[in-house]
Amino acid sequence: MTVPGAALDEAGEALWRAALEAWSEPARHDAFVGHCYAATSLVAAAARYRERLAAHPDDEIARKMSARIAFLAAQSLRPSAPARPPLSRSPLFLIVVALAGIGGAILGLLHRARR
């Protein structure tokens, strides 16, 4: 069963085969899912684990990895907060710096006048 839009690139296919060869090694699954996340092919990864679950309904690794993929997909859909401008660009910061400079200049002149 193939899912439309669920194609893997060559590296993804190789990582999937590696995961199948050593199914109980979590590092292989992590590498596969990490690659799919980076390559924006989580749909393909989910389809592979869904096929595995269809063939082996009691497979805890496939269930766990499916949940991880769902979480990653949900996280990628969450809106991120807009970037705030740096504090040094705020008008209030510039006013404080200007007032500090003026205050320092006045204090310097007063100190000089005392001598």
PDB file of N, CA and C in Angstrom:
ATOM      1  N   MET A   1       0.841  -1.179   0.000  1.00  0.00           N
ATOM      2  CA  MET A   1       0.000   0.000   0.000  1.00  0.00           C
ATOM      3  C   MET A   1       0.880   1.234   0.000  1.00  0.00           C
ATOM      4  N   THR A   2       0.728   2.070  -0.979  1.00  0.00           N
ATOM      5  CA  THR A   2       1.496   3.309  -1.037  1.00  0.00           C
ATOM      6  C   THR A   2       0.564   4.488  -0.828  1.00  0.00           C
ATOM      7  N   VAL A   3       1.041   5.428  -0.086  1.00  0.00           N
ATOM      8  CA  VAL A   3       0.285   6.632   0.213  1.00  0.00           C
ATOM      9  C   VAL A   3       0.753   7.728  -0.726  1.00  0.00           C
ATOM     10  N   PRO A   4      -0.167   8.439  -1.393  1.00  0.00           N
ATOM     11  CA  PRO A   4       0.247   9.525  -2.274  1.00  0.00           C
ATOM     12  C   PRO A   4       1.046  10.571  -1.505  1.00  0.00           C
ATOM     13  N   GLY A   5       2.140  11.032  -2.071  1.00  0.00           N
ATOM     14  CA  GLY A   5       2.986  12.024  -1.418  1.00  0.00           C
ATOM     15  C   GLY A   5       3.878  11.444  -0.344  1.00  0.00           C
ATOM     16  N   ALA A   6       3.983  10.098  -0.282  1.00  0.00           N
ATOM     17  CA  ALA A   6       4.757   9.459   0.772  1.00  0.00           C
ATOM     18  C   ALA A   6       6.029   8.834   0.225  1.00  0.00           C
ATOM     19  N   ALA A   7       6.652   9.497  -0.718  1.00  0.00           N
ATOM     20  CA  ALA A   7       7.880   8.959  -1.301  1.00  0.00           C
ATOM     21  C   ALA A   7       9.079   9.380  -0.458  1.00  0.00           C
ATOM     22  N   LEU A   8      10.029   8.484  -0.364  1.00  0.00           N
ATOM     23  CA  LEU A   8      11.275   8.766   0.337  1.00  0.00           C
ATOM     24  C   LEU A   8      12.388   8.980  -0.673  1.00  0.00           C
ATOM     25  N   ASP A   9      13.359   9.788  -0.307  1.00  0.00           N
ATOM     26  CA  ASP A   9      14.538   9.924  -1.148  1.00  0.00           C
ATOM     27  C   ASP A   9      15.450   8.720  -0.914  1.00  0.00           C
ATOM     28  N   GLU A  10      16.555   8.665  -1.630  1.00  0.00           N
ATOM     29  CA  GLU A  10      17.453   7.502  -1.520  1.00  0.00           C
ATOM     30  C   GLU A  10      17.985   7.324  -0.106  1.00  0.00           C
ATOM     31  N   ALA A  11      18.361   8.419   0.522  1.00  0.00           N
ATOM     32  CA  ALA A  11      18.881   8.332   1.895  1.00  0.00           C
ATOM     33  C   ALA A  11      17.805   7.829   2.843  1.00  0.00           C
ATOM     34  N   GLY A  12      16.584   8.283   2.660  1.00  0.00           N
ATOM     35  CA  GLY A  12      15.477   7.831   3.496  1.00  0.00           C
ATOM     36  C   GLY A  12      15.209   6.344   3.320  1.00  0.00           C
ATOM     37  N   GLU A  13      15.250   5.883   2.069  1.00  0.00           N
ATOM     38  CA  GLU A  13      15.060   4.456   1.798  1.00  0.00           C
ATOM     39  C   GLU A  13      16.158   3.628   2.463  1.00  0.00           C
ATOM     40  N   ALA A  14      17.395   4.107   2.384  1.00  0.00           N
ATOM     41  CA  ALA A  14      18.511   3.384   3.004  1.00  0.00           C
ATOM     42  C   ALA A  14      18.356   3.344   4.518  1.00  0.00           C
ATOM     43  N   LEU A  15      17.929   4.453   5.103  1.00  0.00           N
ATOM     44  CA  LEU A  15      17.732   4.480   6.548  1.00  0.00           C
ATOM     45  C   LEU A  15      16.562   3.582   6.967  1.00  0.00           C
ATOM     46  N   TRP A  16      15.530   3.519   6.145  1.00  0.00           N
ATOM     47  CA  TRP A  16      14.408   2.636   6.453  1.00  0.00           C
ATOM     48  C   TRP A  16      14.844   1.180   6.400  1.00  0.00           C
ATOM     49  N   ARG A  17      15.615   0.827   5.370  1.00  0.00           N
ATOM     50  CA  ARG A  17      16.120  -0.547   5.284  1.00  0.00           C
ATOM     51  C   ARG A  17      16.997  -0.876   6.491  1.00  0.00           C
ATOM     52  N   ALA A  18      17.808   0.068   6.912  1.00  0.00           N
ATOM     53  CA  ALA A  18      18.660  -0.150   8.089  1.00  0.00           C
ATOM     54  C   ALA A  18      17.807  -0.359   9.341  1.00  0.00           C
ATOM     55  N   ALA A  19      16.725   0.377   9.457  1.00  0.00           N
ATOM     56  CA  ALA A  19      15.827   0.211  10.604  1.00  0.00           C
ATOM     57  C   ALA A  19      15.149  -1.157  10.559  1.00  0.00           C
ATOM     58  N   LEU A  20      14.766  -1.589   9.365  1.00  0.00           N
ATOM     59  CA  LEU A  20      14.140  -2.909   9.243  1.00  0.00           C
ATOM     60  C   LEU A  20      15.117  -4.031   9.599  1.00  0.00           C
ATOM     61  N   GLU A  21      16.384  -3.859   9.219  1.00  0.00           N
ATOM     62  CA  GLU A  21      17.390  -4.888   9.477  1.00  0.00           C
ATOM     63  C   GLU A  21      17.669  -5.048  10.966  1.00  0.00           C
ATOM     64  N   ALA A  22      17.616  -3.977  11.702  1.00  0.00           N
ATOM     65  CA  ALA A  22      17.869  -4.031  13.146  1.00  0.00           C
ATOM     66  C   ALA A  22      16.710  -3.325  13.844  1.00  0.00           C
ATOM     67  N   TRP A  23      15.546  -3.934  13.789  1.00  0.00           N
ATOM     68  CA  TRP A  23      14.306  -3.313  14.229  1.00  0.00           C
ATOM     69  C   TRP A  23      14.333  -2.904  15.702  1.00  0.00           C
ATOM     70  N   SER A  24      15.033  -3.621  16.527  1.00  0.00           N
ATOM     71  CA  SER A  24      15.005  -3.325  17.956  1.00  0.00           C
ATOM     72  C   SER A  24      16.022  -2.262  18.374  1.00  0.00           C
ATOM     73  N   GLU A  25      16.775  -1.696  17.445  1.00  0.00           N
ATOM     74  CA  GLU A  25      17.759  -0.668  17.766  1.00  0.00           C
ATOM     75  C   GLU A  25      17.129   0.723  17.595  1.00  0.00           C
ATOM     76  N   PRO A  26      16.905   1.419  18.693  1.00  0.00           N
ATOM     77  CA  PRO A  26      16.253   2.736  18.615  1.00  0.00           C
ATOM     78  C   PRO A  26      17.050   3.759  17.798  1.00  0.00           C
ATOM     79  N   ALA A  27      18.358   3.657  17.804  1.00  0.00           N
ATOM     80  CA  ALA A  27      19.170   4.632  17.069  1.00  0.00           C
ATOM     81  C   ALA A  27      18.858   4.608  15.578  1.00  0.00           C
ATOM     82  N   ARG A  28      18.553   3.445  15.049  1.00  0.00           N
ATOM     83  CA  ARG A  28      18.224   3.354  13.610  1.00  0.00           C
ATOM     84  C   ARG A  28      16.905   4.065  13.308  1.00  0.00           C
ATOM     85  N   HIS A  29      15.950   3.885  14.204  1.00  0.00           N
ATOM     86  CA  HIS A  29      14.656   4.558  14.016  1.00  0.00           C
ATOM     87  C   HIS A  29      14.802   6.066  14.182  1.00  0.00           C
ATOM     88  N   ASP A  30      15.606   6.462  15.166  1.00  0.00           N
ATOM     89  CA  ASP A  30      15.842   7.896  15.376  1.00  0.00           C
ATOM     90  C   ASP A  30      16.487   8.523  14.147  1.00  0.00           C
ATOM     91  N   ALA A  31      17.439   7.831  13.553  1.00  0.00           N
ATOM     92  CA  ALA A  31      18.110   8.350  12.354  1.00  0.00           C
ATOM     93  C   ALA A  31      17.112   8.474  11.201  1.00  0.00           C
ATOM     94  N   PHE A  32      16.266   7.469  11.043  1.00  0.00           N
ATOM     95  CA  PHE A  32      15.276   7.491   9.964  1.00  0.00           C
ATOM     96  C   PHE A  32      14.285   8.640  10.144  1.00  0.00           C
ATOM     97  N   VAL A  33      13.724   8.744  11.339  1.00  0.00           N
ATOM     98  CA  VAL A  33      12.735   9.795  11.585  1.00  0.00           C
ATOM     99  C   VAL A  33      13.388  11.175  11.528  1.00  0.00           C
ATOM    100  N   GLY A  34      14.602  11.289  12.040  1.00  0.00           N
ATOM    101  CA  GLY A  34      15.314  12.566  11.963  1.00  0.00           C
ATOM    102  C   GLY A  34      15.550  13.001  10.530  1.00  0.00           C
ATOM    103  N   HIS A  35      15.925  12.049   9.694  1.00  0.00           N
ATOM    104  CA  HIS A  35      16.125  12.371   8.281  1.00  0.00           C
ATOM    105  C   HIS A  35      14.807  12.799   7.636  1.00  0.00           C
ATOM    106  N   CYS A  36      13.752  12.064   7.913  1.00  0.00           N
ATOM    107  CA  CYS A  36      12.448  12.400   7.328  1.00  0.00           C
ATOM    108  C   CYS A  36      11.968  13.769   7.800  1.00  0.00           C
ATOM    109  N   TYR A  37      12.234  14.091   9.057  1.00  0.00           N
ATOM    110  CA  TYR A  37      11.858  15.410   9.574  1.00  0.00           C
ATOM    111  C   TYR A  37      12.631  16.502   8.825  1.00  0.00           C
ATOM    112  N   ALA A  38      13.932  16.311   8.679  1.00  0.00           N
ATOM    113  CA  ALA A  38      14.761  17.301   7.999  1.00  0.00           C
ATOM    114  C   ALA A  38      14.410  17.412   6.519  1.00  0.00           C
ATOM    115  N   ALA A  39      14.021  16.297   5.917  1.00  0.00           N
ATOM    116  CA  ALA A  39      13.690  16.280   4.488  1.00  0.00           C
ATOM    117  C   ALA A  39      12.217  16.587   4.242  1.00  0.00           C
ATOM    118  N   THR A  40      11.496  16.974   5.265  1.00  0.00           N
ATOM    119  CA  THR A  40      10.047  17.239   5.219  1.00  0.00           C
ATOM    120  C   THR A  40       9.275  16.096   4.566  1.00  0.00           C
ATOM    121  N   SER A  41       9.616  14.887   4.964  1.00  0.00           N
ATOM    122  CA  SER A  41       8.888  13.723   4.451  1.00  0.00           C
ATOM    123  C   SER A  41       8.358  12.874   5.603  1.00  0.00           C
ATOM    124  N   LEU A  42       7.771  13.555   6.594  1.00  0.00           N
ATOM    125  CA  LEU A  42       7.182  12.831   7.725  1.00  0.00           C
ATOM    126  C   LEU A  42       5.993  11.979   7.288  1.00  0.00           C
ATOM    127  N   VAL A  43       5.324  12.390   6.218  1.00  0.00           N
ATOM    128  CA  VAL A  43       4.200  11.595   5.709  1.00  0.00           C
ATOM    129  C   VAL A  43       4.704  10.220   5.284  1.00  0.00           C
ATOM    130  N   ALA A  44       5.849  10.184   4.622  1.00  0.00           N
ATOM    131  CA  ALA A  44       6.424   8.909   4.179  1.00  0.00           C
ATOM    132  C   ALA A  44       6.816   8.055   5.374  1.00  0.00           C
ATOM    133  N   ALA A  45       7.412   8.688   6.389  1.00  0.00           N
ATOM    134  CA  ALA A  45       7.805   7.938   7.589  1.00  0.00           C
ATOM    135  C   ALA A  45       6.573   7.381   8.292  1.00  0.00           C
ATOM    136  N   ALA A  46       5.534   8.183   8.397  1.00  0.00           N
ATOM    137  CA  ALA A  46       4.303   7.719   9.044  1.00  0.00           C
ATOM    138  C   ALA A  46       3.692   6.554   8.271  1.00  0.00           C
ATOM    139  N   ALA A  47       3.746   6.630   6.949  1.00  0.00           N
ATOM    140  CA  ALA A  47       3.190   5.544   6.130  1.00  0.00           C
ATOM    141  C   ALA A  47       3.951   4.247   6.346  1.00  0.00           C
ATOM    142  N   ARG A  48       5.283   4.335   6.464  1.00  0.00           N
ATOM    143  CA  ARG A  48       6.085   3.123   6.690  1.00  0.00           C
ATOM    144  C   ARG A  48       5.731   2.469   8.017  1.00  0.00           C
ATOM    145  N   TYR A  49       5.627   3.270   9.062  1.00  0.00           N
ATOM    146  CA  TYR A  49       5.293   2.699  10.367  1.00  0.00           C
ATOM    147  C   TYR A  49       3.839   2.231  10.423  1.00  0.00           C
ATOM    148  N   ARG A  50       2.956   2.904   9.695  1.00  0.00           N
ATOM    149  CA  ARG A  50       1.564   2.466   9.636  1.00  0.00           C
ATOM    150  C   ARG A  50       1.461   1.109   8.950  1.00  0.00           C
ATOM    151  N   GLU A  51       2.237   0.927   7.869  1.00  0.00           N
ATOM    152  CA  GLU A  51       2.267  -0.382   7.197  1.00  0.00           C
ATOM    153  C   GLU A  51       2.789  -1.453   8.141  1.00  0.00           C
ATOM    154  N   ARG A  52       3.823  -1.121   8.903  1.00  0.00           N
ATOM    155  CA  ARG A  52       4.390  -2.079   9.859  1.00  0.00           C
ATOM    156  C   ARG A  52       3.357  -2.442  10.924  1.00  0.00           C
ATOM    157  N   LEU A  53       2.606  -1.445  11.410  1.00  0.00           N
ATOM    158  CA  LEU A  53       1.571  -1.719  12.405  1.00  0.00           C
ATOM    159  C   LEU A  53       0.434  -2.556  11.830  1.00  0.00           C
ATOM    160  N   ALA A  54       0.131  -2.360  10.553  1.00  0.00           N
ATOM    161  CA  ALA A  54      -0.919  -3.175   9.927  1.00  0.00           C
ATOM    162  C   ALA A  54      -0.497  -4.634   9.872  1.00  0.00           C
ATOM    163  N   ALA A  55       0.790  -4.871   9.621  1.00  0.00           N
ATOM    164  CA  ALA A  55       1.295  -6.245   9.544  1.00  0.00           C
ATOM    165  C   ALA A  55       1.551  -6.843  10.933  1.00  0.00           C
ATOM    166  N   HIS A  56       1.940  -5.994  11.888  1.00  0.00           N
ATOM    167  CA  HIS A  56       2.272  -6.453  13.241  1.00  0.00           C
ATOM    168  C   HIS A  56       1.589  -5.528  14.253  1.00  0.00           C
ATOM    169  N   PRO A  57       0.316  -5.742  14.544  1.00  0.00           N
ATOM    170  CA  PRO A  57      -0.437  -4.813  15.405  1.00  0.00           C
ATOM    171  C   PRO A  57       0.127  -4.665  16.821  1.00  0.00           C
ATOM    172  N   ASP A  58       0.886  -5.636  17.302  1.00  0.00           N
ATOM    173  CA  ASP A  58       1.422  -5.560  18.662  1.00  0.00           C
ATOM    174  C   ASP A  58       2.822  -4.952  18.722  1.00  0.00           C
ATOM    175  N   ASP A  59       3.322  -4.403  17.634  1.00  0.00           N
ATOM    176  CA  ASP A  59       4.675  -3.876  17.567  1.00  0.00           C
ATOM    177  C   ASP A  59       4.761  -2.541  18.315  1.00  0.00           C
ATOM    178  N   GLU A  60       5.367  -2.580  19.496  1.00  0.00           N
ATOM    179  CA  GLU A  60       5.483  -1.380  20.324  1.00  0.00           C
ATOM    180  C   GLU A  60       6.419  -0.338  19.707  1.00  0.00           C
ATOM    181  N   ILE A  61       7.453  -0.772  19.045  1.00  0.00           N
ATOM    182  CA  ILE A  61       8.380   0.177  18.422  1.00  0.00           C
ATOM    183  C   ILE A  61       7.662   0.967  17.331  1.00  0.00           C
ATOM    184  N   ALA A  62       6.909   0.287  16.501  1.00  0.00           N
ATOM    185  CA  ALA A  62       6.168   0.973  15.430  1.00  0.00           C
ATOM    186  C   ALA A  62       5.146   1.932  16.027  1.00  0.00           C
ATOM    187  N   ARG A  63       4.496   1.509  17.103  1.00  0.00           N
ATOM    188  CA  ARG A  63       3.509   2.372  17.757  1.00  0.00           C
ATOM    189  C   ARG A  63       4.191   3.617  18.343  1.00  0.00           C
ATOM    190  N   LYS A  64       5.319   3.412  18.991  1.00  0.00           N
ATOM    191  CA  LYS A  64       6.063   4.516  19.601  1.00  0.00           C
ATOM    192  C   LYS A  64       6.561   5.496  18.537  1.00  0.00           C
ATOM    193  N   MET A  65       7.096   4.955  17.447  1.00  0.00           N
ATOM    194  CA  MET A  65       7.623   5.830  16.396  1.00  0.00           C
ATOM    195  C   MET A  65       6.487   6.571  15.678  1.00  0.00           C
ATOM    196  N   SER A  66       5.342   5.930  15.530  1.00  0.00           N
ATOM    197  CA  SER A  66       4.187   6.605  14.931  1.00  0.00           C
ATOM    198  C   SER A  66       3.760   7.788  15.796  1.00  0.00           C
ATOM    199  N   ALA A  67       3.764   7.582  17.110  1.00  0.00           N
ATOM    200  CA  ALA A  67       3.409   8.666  18.031  1.00  0.00           C
ATOM    201  C   ALA A  67       4.433   9.793  17.945  1.00  0.00           C
ATOM    202  N   ARG A  68       5.707   9.452  17.839  1.00  0.00           N
ATOM    203  CA  ARG A  68       6.749  10.474  17.729  1.00  0.00           C
ATOM    204  C   ARG A  68       6.579  11.284  16.446  1.00  0.00           C
ATOM    205  N   ILE A  69       6.280  10.599  15.354  1.00  0.00           N
ATOM    206  CA  ILE A  69       6.085  11.291  14.073  1.00  0.00           C
ATOM    207  C   ILE A  69       4.876  12.215  14.155  1.00  0.00           C
ATOM    208  N   ALA A  70       3.803  11.751  14.794  1.00  0.00           N
ATOM    209  CA  ALA A  70       2.621  12.598  14.951  1.00  0.00           C
ATOM    210  C   ALA A  70       2.962  13.846  15.764  1.00  0.00           C
ATOM    211  N   PHE A  71       3.758  13.671  16.814  1.00  0.00           N
ATOM    212  CA  PHE A  71       4.171  14.803  17.639  1.00  0.00           C
ATOM    213  C   PHE A  71       5.008  15.787  16.822  1.00  0.00           C
ATOM    214  N   LEU A  72       5.974  15.276  16.072  1.00  0.00           N
ATOM    215  CA  LEU A  72       6.818  16.151  15.250  1.00  0.00           C
ATOM    216  C   LEU A  72       5.991  16.908  14.213  1.00  0.00           C
ATOM    217  N   ALA A  73       5.044  16.211  13.621  1.00  0.00           N
ATOM    218  CA  ALA A  73       4.195  16.868  12.622  1.00  0.00           C
ATOM    219  C   ALA A  73       3.358  17.964  13.271  1.00  0.00           C
ATOM    220  N   ALA A  74       2.826  17.685  14.445  1.00  0.00           N
ATOM    221  CA  ALA A  74       2.027  18.689  15.150  1.00  0.00           C
ATOM    222  C   ALA A  74       2.879  19.888  15.538  1.00  0.00           C
ATOM    223  N   GLN A  75       4.109  19.632  15.977  1.00  0.00           N
ATOM    224  CA  GLN A  75       4.995  20.730  16.353  1.00  0.00           C
ATOM    225  C   GLN A  75       5.349  21.608  15.162  1.00  0.00           C
ATOM    226  N   SER A  76       5.495  21.000  14.011  1.00  0.00           N
ATOM    227  CA  SER A  76       5.848  21.797  12.840  1.00  0.00           C
ATOM    228  C   SER A  76       4.676  22.657  12.368  1.00  0.00           C
ATOM    229  N   LEU A  77       3.456  22.328  12.809  1.00  0.00           N
ATOM    230  CA  LEU A  77       2.286  23.120  12.426  1.00  0.00           C
ATOM    231  C   LEU A  77       1.985  24.246  13.404  1.00  0.00           C
ATOM    232  N   ARG A  78       2.585  24.188  14.601  1.00  0.00           N
ATOM    233  CA  ARG A  78       2.346  25.226  15.604  1.00  0.00           C
ATOM    234  C   ARG A  78       2.911  26.553  15.129  1.00  0.00           C
ATOM    235  N   PRO A  79       2.137  27.607  15.278  1.00  0.00           N
ATOM    236  CA  PRO A  79       2.689  28.911  14.895  1.00  0.00           C
ATOM    237  C   PRO A  79       3.760  29.322  15.898  1.00  0.00           C
ATOM    238  N   SER A  80       4.796  29.905  15.402  1.00  0.00           N
ATOM    239  CA  SER A  80       5.850  30.373  16.293  1.00  0.00           C
ATOM    240  C   SER A  80       5.621  31.851  16.577  1.00  0.00           C
ATOM    241  N   ALA A  81       6.088  32.283  17.718  1.00  0.00           N
ATOM    242  CA  ALA A  81       5.938  33.684  18.089  1.00  0.00           C
ATOM    243  C   ALA A  81       6.774  34.548  17.147  1.00  0.00           C
ATOM    244  N   PRO A  82       6.247  35.688  16.779  1.00  0.00           N
ATOM    245  CA  PRO A  82       7.025  36.562  15.904  1.00  0.00           C
ATOM    246  C   PRO A  82       8.291  37.031  16.624  1.00  0.00           C
ATOM    247  N   ALA A  83       9.324  37.210  15.870  1.00  0.00           N
ATOM    248  CA  ALA A  83      10.588  37.666  16.452  1.00  0.00           C
ATOM    249  C   ALA A  83      10.428  39.102  16.941  1.00  0.00           C
ATOM    250  N   ARG A  84      10.867  39.312  18.172  1.00  0.00           N
ATOM    251  CA  ARG A  84      10.792  40.662  18.720  1.00  0.00           C
ATOM    252  C   ARG A  84      12.065  41.410  18.372  1.00  0.00           C
ATOM    253  N   PRO A  85      11.933  42.696  18.129  1.00  0.00           N
ATOM    254  CA  PRO A  85      13.142  43.464  17.821  1.00  0.00           C
ATOM    255  C   PRO A  85      14.045  43.506  19.051  1.00  0.00           C
ATOM    256  N   PRO A  86      15.353  43.616  18.855  1.00  0.00           N
ATOM    257  CA  PRO A  86      16.253  43.656  19.998  1.00  0.00           C
ATOM    258  C   PRO A  86      16.000  44.891  20.862  1.00  0.00           C
ATOM    259  N   LEU A  87      16.295  44.775  22.141  1.00  0.00           N
ATOM    260  CA  LEU A  87      16.072  45.868  23.083  1.00  0.00           C
ATOM    261  C   LEU A  87      16.827  47.120  22.663  1.00  0.00           C
ATOM    262  N   SER A  88      17.990  46.952  22.083  1.00  0.00           N
ATOM    263  CA  SER A  88      18.790  48.120  21.692  1.00  0.00           C
ATOM    264  C   SER A  88      18.142  48.930  20.572  1.00  0.00           C
ATOM    265  N   ARG A  89      17.118  48.399  19.936  1.00  0.00           N
ATOM    266  CA  ARG A  89      16.414  49.124  18.866  1.00  0.00           C
ATOM    267  C   ARG A  89      15.156  49.835  19.384  1.00  0.00           C
ATOM    268  N   SER A  90      14.831  49.662  20.663  1.00  0.00           N
ATOM    269  CA  SER A  90      13.602  50.269  21.169  1.00  0.00           C
ATOM    270  C   SER A  90      13.838  51.750  21.457  1.00  0.00           C
ATOM    271  N   PRO A  91      12.847  52.574  21.247  1.00  0.00           N
ATOM    272  CA  PRO A  91      12.989  54.010  21.517  1.00  0.00           C
ATOM    273  C   PRO A  91      13.306  54.293  22.986  1.00  0.00           C
ATOM    274  N   LEU A  92      12.720  53.512  23.891  1.00  0.00           N
ATOM    275  CA  LEU A  92      12.980  53.715  25.314  1.00  0.00           C
ATOM    276  C   LEU A  92      14.462  53.521  25.633  1.00  0.00           C
ATOM    277  N   PHE A  93      15.080  52.515  25.045  1.00  0.00           N
ATOM    278  CA  PHE A  93      16.506  52.260  25.269  1.00  0.00           C
ATOM    279  C   PHE A  93      17.334  53.446  24.777  1.00  0.00           C
ATOM    280  N   LEU A  94      17.003  53.954  23.607  1.00  0.00           N
ATOM    281  CA  LEU A  94      17.739  55.094  23.054  1.00  0.00           C
ATOM    282  C   LEU A  94      17.574  56.338  23.924  1.00  0.00           C
ATOM    283  N   ILE A  95      16.383  56.535  24.477  1.00  0.00           N
ATOM    284  CA  ILE A  95      16.146  57.680  25.361  1.00  0.00           C
ATOM    285  C   ILE A  95      16.976  57.545  26.633  1.00  0.00           C
ATOM    286  N   VAL A  96      17.000  56.344  27.211  1.00  0.00           N
ATOM    287  CA  VAL A  96      17.786  56.115  28.427  1.00  0.00           C
ATOM    288  C   VAL A  96      19.263  56.351  28.155  1.00  0.00           C
ATOM    289  N   VAL A  97      19.776  55.885  27.040  1.00  0.00           N
ATOM    290  CA  VAL A  97      21.190  56.091  26.699  1.00  0.00           C
ATOM    291  C   VAL A  97      21.471  57.582  26.512  1.00  0.00           C
ATOM    292  N   ALA A  98      20.580  58.290  25.826  1.00  0.00           N
ATOM    293  CA  ALA A  98      20.773  59.727  25.612  1.00  0.00           C
ATOM    294  C   ALA A  98      20.756  60.478  26.939  1.00  0.00           C
ATOM    295  N   LEU A  99      19.799  60.151  27.822  1.00  0.00           N
ATOM    296  CA  LEU A  99      19.730  60.812  29.132  1.00  0.00           C
ATOM    297  C   LEU A  99      20.961  60.504  29.973  1.00  0.00           C
ATOM    298  N   ALA A 100      21.448  59.281  29.899  1.00  0.00           N
ATOM    299  CA  ALA A 100      22.662  58.924  30.636  1.00  0.00           C
ATOM    300  C   ALA A 100      23.850  59.724  30.106  1.00  0.00           C
ATOM    301  N   GLY A 101      23.941  59.891  28.814  1.00  0.00           N
ATOM    302  CA  GLY A 101      25.024  60.684  28.223  1.00  0.00           C
ATOM    303  C   GLY A 101      24.944  62.148  28.634  1.00  0.00           C
ATOM    304  N   ILE A 102      23.742  62.695  28.606  1.00  0.00           N
ATOM    305  CA  ILE A 102      23.554  64.098  29.008  1.00  0.00           C
ATOM    306  C   ILE A 102      23.869  64.259  30.494  1.00  0.00           C
ATOM    307  N   GLY A 103      23.360  63.327  31.299  1.00  0.00           N
ATOM    308  CA  GLY A 103      23.636  63.370  32.746  1.00  0.00           C
ATOM    309  C   GLY A 103      25.129  63.267  33.021  1.00  0.00           C
ATOM    310  N   GLY A 104      25.827  62.401  32.324  1.00  0.00           N
ATOM    311  CA  GLY A 104      27.274  62.264  32.498  1.00  0.00           C
ATOM    312  C   GLY A 104      28.002  63.526  32.098  1.00  0.00           C
ATOM    313  N   ALA A 105      27.566  64.156  31.029  1.00  0.00           N
ATOM    314  CA  ALA A 105      28.194  65.406  30.586  1.00  0.00           C
ATOM    315  C   ALA A 105      27.984  66.513  31.609  1.00  0.00           C
ATOM    316  N   ILE A 106      26.771  66.613  32.143  1.00  0.00           N
ATOM    317  CA  ILE A 106      26.487  67.632  33.158  1.00  0.00           C
ATOM    318  C   ILE A 106      27.328  67.394  34.407  1.00  0.00           C
ATOM    319  N   LEU A 107      27.389  66.141  34.864  1.00  0.00           N
ATOM    320  CA  LEU A 107      28.206  65.829  36.036  1.00  0.00           C
ATOM    321  C   LEU A 107      29.677  66.123  35.778  1.00  0.00           C
ATOM    322  N   GLY A 108      30.139  65.840  34.588  1.00  0.00           N
ATOM    323  CA  GLY A 108      31.529  66.151  34.236  1.00  0.00           C
ATOM    324  C   GLY A 108      31.801  67.639  34.274  1.00  0.00           C
ATOM    325  N   LEU A 109      30.870  68.447  33.763  1.00  0.00           N
ATOM    326  CA  LEU A 109      31.044  69.908  33.792  1.00  0.00           C
ATOM    327  C   LEU A 109      31.012  70.442  35.221  1.00  0.00           C
ATOM    328  N   LEU A 110      30.099  69.901  36.033  1.00  0.00           N
ATOM    329  CA  LEU A 110      30.023  70.345  37.439  1.00  0.00           C
ATOM    330  C   LEU A 110      31.295  69.969  38.195  1.00  0.00           C
ATOM    331  N   HIS A 111      31.807  68.814  37.943  1.00  0.00           N
ATOM    332  CA  HIS A 111      33.026  68.369  38.608  1.00  0.00           C
ATOM    333  C   HIS A 111      34.206  69.241  38.169  1.00  0.00           C
ATOM    334  N   ARG A 112      34.245  69.616  36.936  1.00  0.00           N
ATOM    335  CA  ARG A 112      35.327  70.448  36.404  1.00  0.00           C
ATOM    336  C   ARG A 112      35.235  71.863  36.989  1.00  0.00           C
ATOM    337  N   ALA A 113      34.025  72.368  37.187  1.00  0.00           N
ATOM    338  CA  ALA A 113      33.827  73.719  37.719  1.00  0.00           C
ATOM    339  C   ALA A 113      34.261  73.798  39.174  1.00  0.00           C
ATOM    340  N   ARG A 114      34.199  72.709  39.921  1.00  0.00           N
ATOM    341  CA  ARG A 114      34.611  72.694  41.327  1.00  0.00           C
ATOM    342  C   ARG A 114      36.111  72.828  41.470  1.00  0.00           C
ATOM    343  N   ARG A 115      36.877  72.442  40.502  1.00  0.00           N
ATOM    344  CA  ARG A 115      38.346  72.469  40.633  1.00  0.00           C
ATOM    345  C   ARG A 115      38.876  73.817  40.516  1.00  0.00           C
TER     346      ARG A 115
END
